[in-house]
Amino acid sequence: MKKKKVKKVDVNIRDFPEELYRDLKVLAARRGITLKALILEILEKEIKKIK
């Protein structure tokens, strides 16, 4: 079975609240995942809610 290629893009967020950044870093560390993985997980979950 072939894996479907997923096109990826870079996203930069300016003026991201420092406190939120720290909270996300702590949560990611507690869960043993990267900040990127945590943010993607949160975004995917929220998108599924509205679809």
PDB file of N, CA and C in Angstrom:
ATOM      1  N   MET A   1       0.847  -1.176   0.000  1.00  0.00           N
ATOM      2  CA  MET A   1       0.000   0.000   0.000  1.00  0.00           C
ATOM      3  C   MET A   1       0.893   1.240   0.000  1.00  0.00           C
ATOM      4  N   LYS A   2       0.593   2.172  -0.891  1.00  0.00           N
ATOM      5  CA  LYS A   2       1.365   3.407  -0.966  1.00  0.00           C
ATOM      6  C   LYS A   2       0.831   4.427   0.018  1.00  0.00           C
ATOM      7  N   LYS A   3       1.760   5.157   0.624  1.00  0.00           N
ATOM      8  CA  LYS A   3       1.353   6.251   1.500  1.00  0.00           C
ATOM      9  C   LYS A   3       0.989   7.460   0.668  1.00  0.00           C
ATOM     10  N   LYS A   4      -0.086   8.123   1.060  1.00  0.00           N
ATOM     11  CA  LYS A   4      -0.503   9.337   0.367  1.00  0.00           C
ATOM     12  C   LYS A   4       0.421  10.479   0.768  1.00  0.00           C
ATOM     13  N   LYS A   5       0.960  11.181  -0.210  1.00  0.00           N
ATOM     14  CA  LYS A   5       1.829  12.324   0.086  1.00  0.00           C
ATOM     15  C   LYS A   5       0.987  13.489   0.566  1.00  0.00           C
ATOM     16  N   VAL A   6       1.426  14.086   1.641  1.00  0.00           N
ATOM     17  CA  VAL A   6       0.733  15.244   2.183  1.00  0.00           C
ATOM     18  C   VAL A   6       1.604  16.460   1.940  1.00  0.00           C
ATOM     19  N   LYS A   7       1.065  17.426   1.240  1.00  0.00           N
ATOM     20  CA  LYS A   7       1.799  18.655   0.985  1.00  0.00           C
ATOM     21  C   LYS A   7       1.837  19.473   2.272  1.00  0.00           C
ATOM     22  N   LYS A   8       2.981  19.999   2.600  1.00  0.00           N
ATOM     23  CA  LYS A   8       3.143  20.764   3.830  1.00  0.00           C
ATOM     24  C   LYS A   8       3.599  22.182   3.523  1.00  0.00           C
ATOM     25  N   VAL A   9       3.232  23.089   4.403  1.00  0.00           N
ATOM     26  CA  VAL A   9       3.634  24.484   4.277  1.00  0.00           C
ATOM     27  C   VAL A   9       4.184  24.964   5.616  1.00  0.00           C
ATOM     28  N   ASP A  10       4.925  26.029   5.588  1.00  0.00           N
ATOM     29  CA  ASP A  10       5.430  26.642   6.808  1.00  0.00           C
ATOM     30  C   ASP A  10       4.452  27.722   7.263  1.00  0.00           C
ATOM     31  N   VAL A  11       4.244  27.793   8.571  1.00  0.00           N
ATOM     32  CA  VAL A  11       3.357  28.796   9.145  1.00  0.00           C
ATOM     33  C   VAL A  11       4.118  29.518  10.253  1.00  0.00           C
ATOM     34  N   ASN A  12       4.111  30.824  10.200  1.00  0.00           N
ATOM     35  CA  ASN A  12       4.720  31.644  11.250  1.00  0.00           C
ATOM     36  C   ASN A  12       3.645  32.501  11.889  1.00  0.00           C
ATOM     37  N   ILE A  13       3.667  32.578  13.206  1.00  0.00           N
ATOM     38  CA  ILE A  13       2.689  33.399  13.920  1.00  0.00           C
ATOM     39  C   ILE A  13       3.445  34.521  14.615  1.00  0.00           C
ATOM     40  N   ARG A  14       3.097  35.732  14.284  1.00  0.00           N
ATOM     41  CA  ARG A  14       3.749  36.889  14.904  1.00  0.00           C
ATOM     42  C   ARG A  14       2.966  37.322  16.129  1.00  0.00           C
ATOM     43  N   ASP A  15       3.664  37.919  17.046  1.00  0.00           N
ATOM     44  CA  ASP A  15       3.055  38.466  18.263  1.00  0.00           C
ATOM     45  C   ASP A  15       2.258  37.415  19.031  1.00  0.00           C
ATOM     46  N   PHE A  16       2.787  36.204  19.083  1.00  0.00           N
ATOM     47  CA  PHE A  16       2.157  35.118  19.826  1.00  0.00           C
ATOM     48  C   PHE A  16       2.333  35.392  21.310  1.00  0.00           C
ATOM     49  N   PRO A  17       1.273  35.318  22.101  1.00  0.00           N
ATOM     50  CA  PRO A  17       1.379  35.634  23.528  1.00  0.00           C
ATOM     51  C   PRO A  17       2.391  34.724  24.238  1.00  0.00           C
ATOM     52  N   GLU A  18       3.346  35.342  24.916  1.00  0.00           N
ATOM     53  CA  GLU A  18       4.418  34.599  25.561  1.00  0.00           C
ATOM     54  C   GLU A  18       3.889  33.613  26.603  1.00  0.00           C
ATOM     55  N   GLU A  19       2.884  34.024  27.365  1.00  0.00           N
ATOM     56  CA  GLU A  19       2.339  33.139  28.399  1.00  0.00           C
ATOM     57  C   GLU A  19       1.702  31.894  27.775  1.00  0.00           C
ATOM     58  N   LEU A  20       0.991  32.076  26.668  1.00  0.00           N
ATOM     59  CA  LEU A  20       0.389  30.942  25.974  1.00  0.00           C
ATOM     60  C   LEU A  20       1.473  30.020  25.430  1.00  0.00           C
ATOM     61  N   TYR A  21       2.524  30.593  24.881  1.00  0.00           N
ATOM     62  CA  TYR A  21       3.656  29.811  24.381  1.00  0.00           C
ATOM     63  C   TYR A  21       4.253  28.957  25.502  1.00  0.00           C
ATOM     64  N   ARG A  22       4.488  29.577  26.658  1.00  0.00           N
ATOM     65  CA  ARG A  22       5.056  28.832  27.794  1.00  0.00           C
ATOM     66  C   ARG A  22       4.123  27.719  28.244  1.00  0.00           C
ATOM     67  N   ASP A  23       2.838  28.017  28.321  1.00  0.00           N
ATOM     68  CA  ASP A  23       1.864  26.998  28.731  1.00  0.00           C
ATOM     69  C   ASP A  23       1.848  25.819  27.767  1.00  0.00           C
ATOM     70  N   LEU A  24       1.902  26.116  26.477  1.00  0.00           N
ATOM     71  CA  LEU A  24       1.923  25.050  25.481  1.00  0.00           C
ATOM     72  C   LEU A  24       3.202  24.220  25.571  1.00  0.00           C
ATOM     73  N   LYS A  25       4.339  24.883  25.799  1.00  0.00           N
ATOM     74  CA  LYS A  25       5.608  24.161  25.943  1.00  0.00           C
ATOM     75  C   LYS A  25       5.561  23.217  27.139  1.00  0.00           C
ATOM     76  N   VAL A  26       5.016  23.697  28.251  1.00  0.00           N
ATOM     77  CA  VAL A  26       4.915  22.867  29.460  1.00  0.00           C
ATOM     78  C   VAL A  26       4.003  21.671  29.191  1.00  0.00           C
ATOM     79  N   LEU A  27       2.849  21.910  28.578  1.00  0.00           N
ATOM     80  CA  LEU A  27       1.919  20.829  28.280  1.00  0.00           C
ATOM     81  C   LEU A  27       2.549  19.793  27.349  1.00  0.00           C
ATOM     82  N   ALA A  28       3.245  20.260  26.334  1.00  0.00           N
ATOM     83  CA  ALA A  28       3.914  19.345  25.408  1.00  0.00           C
ATOM     84  C   ALA A  28       4.968  18.516  26.144  1.00  0.00           C
ATOM     85  N   ALA A  29       5.739  19.153  27.002  1.00  0.00           N
ATOM     86  CA  ALA A  29       6.773  18.441  27.755  1.00  0.00           C
ATOM     87  C   ALA A  29       6.149  17.387  28.670  1.00  0.00           C
ATOM     88  N   ARG A  30       5.075  17.741  29.331  1.00  0.00           N
ATOM     89  CA  ARG A  30       4.390  16.783  30.217  1.00  0.00           C
ATOM     90  C   ARG A  30       3.887  15.568  29.453  1.00  0.00           C
ATOM     91  N   ARG A  31       3.469  15.796  28.220  1.00  0.00           N
ATOM     92  CA  ARG A  31       2.944  14.708  27.398  1.00  0.00           C
ATOM     93  C   ARG A  31       4.041  13.993  26.612  1.00  0.00           C
ATOM     94  N   GLY A  32       5.254  14.521  26.679  1.00  0.00           N
ATOM     95  CA  GLY A  32       6.377  13.886  25.992  1.00  0.00           C
ATOM     96  C   GLY A  32       6.330  14.037  24.487  1.00  0.00           C
ATOM     97  N   ILE A  33       5.760  15.156  24.015  1.00  0.00           N
ATOM     98  CA  ILE A  33       5.685  15.412  22.580  1.00  0.00           C
ATOM     99  C   ILE A  33       6.261  16.797  22.290  1.00  0.00           C
ATOM    100  N   THR A  34       6.478  17.062  21.030  1.00  0.00           N
ATOM    101  CA  THR A  34       7.009  18.364  20.647  1.00  0.00           C
ATOM    102  C   THR A  34       5.905  19.413  20.655  1.00  0.00           C
ATOM    103  N   LEU A  35       6.313  20.660  20.707  1.00  0.00           N
ATOM    104  CA  LEU A  35       5.367  21.770  20.626  1.00  0.00           C
ATOM    105  C   LEU A  35       4.609  21.698  19.301  1.00  0.00           C
ATOM    106  N   LYS A  36       5.308  21.406  18.241  1.00  0.00           N
ATOM    107  CA  LYS A  36       4.679  21.280  16.922  1.00  0.00           C
ATOM    108  C   LYS A  36       3.600  20.203  16.938  1.00  0.00           C
ATOM    109  N   ALA A  37       3.917  19.045  17.502  1.00  0.00           N
ATOM    110  CA  ALA A  37       2.949  17.944  17.556  1.00  0.00           C
ATOM    111  C   ALA A  37       1.719  18.335  18.366  1.00  0.00           C
ATOM    112  N   LEU A  38       1.930  19.028  19.468  1.00  0.00           N
ATOM    113  CA  LEU A  38       0.814  19.461  20.307  1.00  0.00           C
ATOM    114  C   LEU A  38      -0.086  20.441  19.566  1.00  0.00           C
ATOM    115  N   ILE A  39       0.524  21.424  18.928  1.00  0.00           N
ATOM    116  CA  ILE A  39      -0.265  22.431  18.196  1.00  0.00           C
ATOM    117  C   ILE A  39      -1.041  21.786  17.055  1.00  0.00           C
ATOM    118  N   LEU A  40      -0.412  20.877  16.315  1.00  0.00           N
ATOM    119  CA  LEU A  40      -1.119  20.186  15.231  1.00  0.00           C
ATOM    120  C   LEU A  40      -2.279  19.363  15.775  1.00  0.00           C
ATOM    121  N   GLU A  41      -2.062  18.687  16.891  1.00  0.00           N
ATOM    122  CA  GLU A  41      -3.117  17.886  17.511  1.00  0.00           C
ATOM    123  C   GLU A  41      -4.314  18.760  17.910  1.00  0.00           C
ATOM    124  N   ILE A  42      -4.025  19.886  18.535  1.00  0.00           N
ATOM    125  CA  ILE A  42      -5.088  20.808  18.961  1.00  0.00           C
ATOM    126  C   ILE A  42      -5.846  21.344  17.751  1.00  0.00           C
ATOM    127  N   LEU A  43      -5.129  21.772  16.728  1.00  0.00           N
ATOM    128  CA  LEU A  43      -5.775  22.314  15.532  1.00  0.00           C
ATOM    129  C   LEU A  43      -6.629  21.261  14.824  1.00  0.00           C
ATOM    130  N   GLU A  44      -6.105  20.050  14.688  1.00  0.00           N
ATOM    131  CA  GLU A  44      -6.863  18.985  14.032  1.00  0.00           C
ATOM    132  C   GLU A  44      -8.140  18.661  14.791  1.00  0.00           C
ATOM    133  N   LYS A  45      -8.048  18.623  16.125  1.00  0.00           N
ATOM    134  CA  LYS A  45      -9.221  18.335  16.950  1.00  0.00           C
ATOM    135  C   LYS A  45     -10.285  19.424  16.789  1.00  0.00           C
ATOM    136  N   GLU A  46      -9.863  20.672  16.774  1.00  0.00           N
ATOM    137  CA  GLU A  46     -10.800  21.786  16.634  1.00  0.00           C
ATOM    138  C   GLU A  46     -11.436  21.827  15.252  1.00  0.00           C
ATOM    139  N   ILE A  47     -10.662  21.530  14.222  1.00  0.00           N
ATOM    140  CA  ILE A  47     -11.198  21.508  12.853  1.00  0.00           C
ATOM    141  C   ILE A  47     -12.242  20.404  12.721  1.00  0.00           C
ATOM    142  N   LYS A  48     -11.994  19.230  13.313  1.00  0.00           N
ATOM    143  CA  LYS A  48     -12.968  18.137  13.251  1.00  0.00           C
ATOM    144  C   LYS A  48     -14.278  18.520  13.909  1.00  0.00           C
ATOM    145  N   LYS A  49     -14.208  19.330  14.968  1.00  0.00           N
ATOM    146  CA  LYS A  49     -15.425  19.766  15.670  1.00  0.00           C
ATOM    147  C   LYS A  49     -16.327  20.609  14.767  1.00  0.00           C
ATOM    148  N   ILE A  50     -15.731  21.417  13.908  1.00  0.00           N
ATOM    149  CA  ILE A  50     -16.537  22.347  13.106  1.00  0.00           C
ATOM    150  C   ILE A  50     -16.904  21.785  11.721  1.00  0.00           C
ATOM    151  N   LYS A  51     -16.344  20.658  11.362  1.00  0.00           N
ATOM    152  CA  LYS A  51     -16.667  20.066  10.047  1.00  0.00           C
ATOM    153  C   LYS A  51     -18.007  19.377  10.083  1.00  0.00           C
TER     154      LYS A  51
END
